[in-house]
Amino acid sequence: MSYRKFDLEDRLIEFALKISDIVDLLPESRLGKYISGQLIRCGTSTALNYGEAQSAESPNDFIHKMKVILKELRETRVCLKIIERKPLLSKEKIEQIVQENNELIAIFLKSIETAKKNRS
């Protein structure tokens, strides 16, 4: 799942759509339903919050909004780990989204670091 040709907003939208696909595959068990709810919120909010970050009112506001996105990506990572370790889905079904999640975390860590340097 390499979306390097897309801009970051499109990449986050594609990520949200893939998260939706994963949620649709989860079992109807108690844990499956709980993780589905958490994952759909944190996994799709990244694209929506990125839209907010693009309209930040100040460098500090931008950094704050980027940190919110990073927080949601990390929550998504934990949900995916639970799915894998239980296992609620096979590793093969989620390995690409796990990789994309990790790449997005790295991008946002670097973006926050750069924004902090440029703020001064």
C-alpha atoms as a PDB file:
ATOM      1  CA  MET A   1       0.000   0.000   0.000  1.00  0.00           C
ATOM      2  CA  SER A   2       2.351   2.697  -1.183  1.00  0.00           C
ATOM      3  CA  TYR A   3       0.658   6.029  -1.834  1.00  0.00           C
ATOM      4  CA  ARG A   4       3.776   8.122  -2.319  1.00  0.00           C
ATOM      5  CA  LYS A   5       2.350   9.525  -5.557  1.00  0.00           C
ATOM      6  CA  PHE A   6      -0.564  11.105  -3.659  1.00  0.00           C
ATOM      7  CA  ASP A   7      -0.382  14.183  -1.513  1.00  0.00           C
ATOM      8  CA  LEU A   8      -0.726  13.664   2.214  1.00  0.00           C
ATOM      9  CA  GLU A   9      -4.432  14.516   2.326  1.00  0.00           C
ATOM     10  CA  ASP A  10      -5.216  11.910  -0.336  1.00  0.00           C
ATOM     11  CA  ARG A  11      -3.012   9.405   1.448  1.00  0.00           C
ATOM     12  CA  LEU A  12      -4.927   9.968   4.701  1.00  0.00           C
ATOM     13  CA  ILE A  13      -8.251   9.617   2.896  1.00  0.00           C
ATOM     14  CA  GLU A  14      -7.107   6.316   1.374  1.00  0.00           C
ATOM     15  CA  PHE A  15      -5.935   5.238   4.832  1.00  0.00           C
ATOM     16  CA  ALA A  16      -9.384   6.006   6.260  1.00  0.00           C
ATOM     17  CA  LEU A  17     -11.038   3.977   3.500  1.00  0.00           C
ATOM     18  CA  LYS A  18      -8.747   1.008   4.154  1.00  0.00           C
ATOM     19  CA  ILE A  19      -9.513   1.263   7.880  1.00  0.00           C
ATOM     20  CA  SER A  20     -13.208   1.130   6.970  1.00  0.00           C
ATOM     21  CA  ASP A  21     -12.550  -2.074   4.999  1.00  0.00           C
ATOM     22  CA  ILE A  22     -10.780  -3.621   8.006  1.00  0.00           C
ATOM     23  CA  VAL A  23     -13.656  -2.636  10.320  1.00  0.00           C
ATOM     24  CA  ASP A  24     -16.141  -4.307   7.969  1.00  0.00           C
ATOM     25  CA  LEU A  25     -14.175  -7.572   8.237  1.00  0.00           C
ATOM     26  CA  LEU A  26     -14.077  -7.712  12.034  1.00  0.00           C
ATOM     27  CA  PRO A  27     -16.210 -10.331  13.763  1.00  0.00           C
ATOM     28  CA  GLU A  28     -19.448  -9.476  15.550  1.00  0.00           C
ATOM     29  CA  SER A  29     -18.001 -10.654  18.879  1.00  0.00           C
ATOM     30  CA  ARG A  30     -17.961  -8.362  21.891  1.00  0.00           C
ATOM     31  CA  LEU A  31     -14.296  -7.497  21.331  1.00  0.00           C
ATOM     32  CA  GLY A  32     -14.782  -7.205  17.576  1.00  0.00           C
ATOM     33  CA  LYS A  33     -17.577  -4.675  18.031  1.00  0.00           C
ATOM     34  CA  TYR A  34     -15.612  -2.668  20.588  1.00  0.00           C
ATOM     35  CA  ILE A  35     -12.440  -2.540  18.479  1.00  0.00           C
ATOM     36  CA  SER A  36     -14.539  -1.708  15.397  1.00  0.00           C
ATOM     37  CA  GLY A  37     -15.928   1.376  17.108  1.00  0.00           C
ATOM     38  CA  GLN A  38     -12.546   2.541  18.356  1.00  0.00           C
ATOM     39  CA  LEU A  39     -10.788   1.836  15.068  1.00  0.00           C
ATOM     40  CA  ILE A  40     -13.358   3.589  12.894  1.00  0.00           C
ATOM     41  CA  ARG A  41     -13.073   6.721  15.057  1.00  0.00           C
ATOM     42  CA  CYS A  42      -9.305   6.956  15.394  1.00  0.00           C
ATOM     43  CA  GLY A  43      -8.476   5.563  11.953  1.00  0.00           C
ATOM     44  CA  THR A  44     -10.728   7.928  10.030  1.00  0.00           C
ATOM     45  CA  SER A  45     -10.259  11.038  12.179  1.00  0.00           C
ATOM     46  CA  THR A  46      -6.716  11.466  10.876  1.00  0.00           C
ATOM     47  CA  ALA A  47      -7.922  12.671   7.468  1.00  0.00           C
ATOM     48  CA  LEU A  48     -10.507  14.969   9.027  1.00  0.00           C
ATOM     49  CA  ASN A  49      -8.037  16.451  11.489  1.00  0.00           C
ATOM     50  CA  TYR A  50      -5.542  17.008   8.693  1.00  0.00           C
ATOM     51  CA  GLY A  51      -8.150  19.193   7.000  1.00  0.00           C
ATOM     52  CA  GLU A  52      -8.305  21.240  10.201  1.00  0.00           C
ATOM     53  CA  ALA A  53      -4.511  21.464  10.405  1.00  0.00           C
ATOM     54  CA  GLN A  54      -4.411  22.971   6.923  1.00  0.00           C
ATOM     55  CA  SER A  55      -6.489  25.861   8.263  1.00  0.00           C
ATOM     56  CA  ALA A  56      -4.492  26.374  11.442  1.00  0.00           C
ATOM     57  CA  GLU A  57      -4.597  29.908  12.809  1.00  0.00           C
ATOM     58  CA  SER A  58      -0.986  30.004  13.979  1.00  0.00           C
ATOM     59  CA  PRO A  59       2.171  27.872  13.996  1.00  0.00           C
ATOM     60  CA  ASN A  60       1.285  26.689  17.506  1.00  0.00           C
ATOM     61  CA  ASP A  61      -2.229  25.766  16.405  1.00  0.00           C
ATOM     62  CA  PHE A  62      -0.774  23.832  13.448  1.00  0.00           C
ATOM     63  CA  ILE A  63       1.597  21.909  15.720  1.00  0.00           C
ATOM     64  CA  HIS A  64      -1.231  21.129  18.124  1.00  0.00           C
ATOM     65  CA  LYS A  65      -3.451  19.798  15.335  1.00  0.00           C
ATOM     66  CA  MET A  66      -0.593  17.706  13.929  1.00  0.00           C
ATOM     67  CA  LYS A  67      -0.042  16.230  17.403  1.00  0.00           C
ATOM     68  CA  VAL A  68      -3.731  15.274  17.549  1.00  0.00           C
ATOM     69  CA  ILE A  69      -3.308  13.415  14.250  1.00  0.00           C
ATOM     70  CA  LEU A  70      -0.221  11.642  15.608  1.00  0.00           C
ATOM     71  CA  LYS A  71      -2.171  10.644  18.732  1.00  0.00           C
ATOM     72  CA  GLU A  72      -4.954   9.170  16.595  1.00  0.00           C
ATOM     73  CA  LEU A  73      -2.452   7.278  14.430  1.00  0.00           C
ATOM     74  CA  ARG A  74      -0.873   5.779  17.541  1.00  0.00           C
ATOM     75  CA  GLU A  75      -4.294   4.736  18.843  1.00  0.00           C
ATOM     76  CA  THR A  76      -4.956   3.131  15.464  1.00  0.00           C
ATOM     77  CA  ARG A  77      -1.662   1.238  15.763  1.00  0.00           C
ATOM     78  CA  VAL A  78      -2.713  -0.191  19.135  1.00  0.00           C
ATOM     79  CA  CYS A  79      -6.102  -1.283  17.746  1.00  0.00           C
ATOM     80  CA  LEU A  80      -4.341  -3.028  14.857  1.00  0.00           C
ATOM     81  CA  LYS A  81      -1.992  -4.778  17.285  1.00  0.00           C
ATOM     82  CA  ILE A  82      -4.977  -6.071  19.280  1.00  0.00           C
ATOM     83  CA  ILE A  83      -6.605  -7.294  16.062  1.00  0.00           C
ATOM     84  CA  GLU A  84      -3.404  -9.103  15.113  1.00  0.00           C
ATOM     85  CA  ARG A  85      -2.621 -10.593  18.518  1.00  0.00           C
ATOM     86  CA  LYS A  86      -6.117 -11.860  19.378  1.00  0.00           C
ATOM     87  CA  PRO A  87      -6.316 -12.688  16.309  1.00  0.00           C
ATOM     88  CA  LEU A  88      -9.516 -11.104  15.078  1.00  0.00           C
ATOM     89  CA  LEU A  89      -8.187 -11.116  11.500  1.00  0.00           C
ATOM     90  CA  SER A  90      -5.250 -12.832   9.846  1.00  0.00           C
ATOM     91  CA  LYS A  91      -1.942 -11.015   9.702  1.00  0.00           C
ATOM     92  CA  GLU A  92      -2.154 -11.043   5.900  1.00  0.00           C
ATOM     93  CA  LYS A  93      -5.396  -9.038   5.962  1.00  0.00           C
ATOM     94  CA  ILE A  94      -3.892  -6.201   7.998  1.00  0.00           C
ATOM     95  CA  GLU A  95      -0.169  -6.162   7.197  1.00  0.00           C
ATOM     96  CA  GLN A  96      -0.441  -3.455   4.520  1.00  0.00           C
ATOM     97  CA  ILE A  97      -2.505  -1.117   6.707  1.00  0.00           C
ATOM     98  CA  VAL A  98      -0.082  -1.691   9.593  1.00  0.00           C
ATOM     99  CA  GLN A  99       2.800  -0.679   7.322  1.00  0.00           C
ATOM    100  CA  GLU A 100       0.936   2.403   6.102  1.00  0.00           C
ATOM    101  CA  ASN A 101       0.077   3.339   9.694  1.00  0.00           C
ATOM    102  CA  ASN A 102       3.749   3.124  10.673  1.00  0.00           C
ATOM    103  CA  GLU A 103       4.798   5.232   7.679  1.00  0.00           C
ATOM    104  CA  LEU A 104       2.205   7.886   8.530  1.00  0.00           C
ATOM    105  CA  ILE A 105       3.398   8.007  12.142  1.00  0.00           C
ATOM    106  CA  ALA A 106       6.946   8.614  10.905  1.00  0.00           C
ATOM    107  CA  ILE A 107       5.751  11.359   8.539  1.00  0.00           C
ATOM    108  CA  PHE A 108       3.835  13.165  11.277  1.00  0.00           C
ATOM    109  CA  LEU A 109       6.685  12.867  13.780  1.00  0.00           C
ATOM    110  CA  LYS A 110       9.008  14.504  11.249  1.00  0.00           C
ATOM    111  CA  SER A 111       6.434  17.132  10.267  1.00  0.00           C
ATOM    112  CA  ILE A 112       5.922  18.135  13.901  1.00  0.00           C
ATOM    113  CA  GLU A 113       9.671  18.327  14.433  1.00  0.00           C
ATOM    114  CA  THR A 114      10.076  20.513  11.328  1.00  0.00           C
ATOM    115  CA  ALA A 115       7.162  22.770  12.320  1.00  0.00           C
ATOM    116  CA  LYS A 116       8.691  23.277  15.757  1.00  0.00           C
ATOM    117  CA  LYS A 117      12.043  24.278  14.213  1.00  0.00           C
ATOM    118  CA  ASN A 118      10.362  26.667  11.767  1.00  0.00           C
ATOM    119  CA  ARG A 119       8.247  28.243  14.500  1.00  0.00           C
ATOM    120  CA  SER A 120      11.265  29.872  16.119  1.00  0.00           C
END
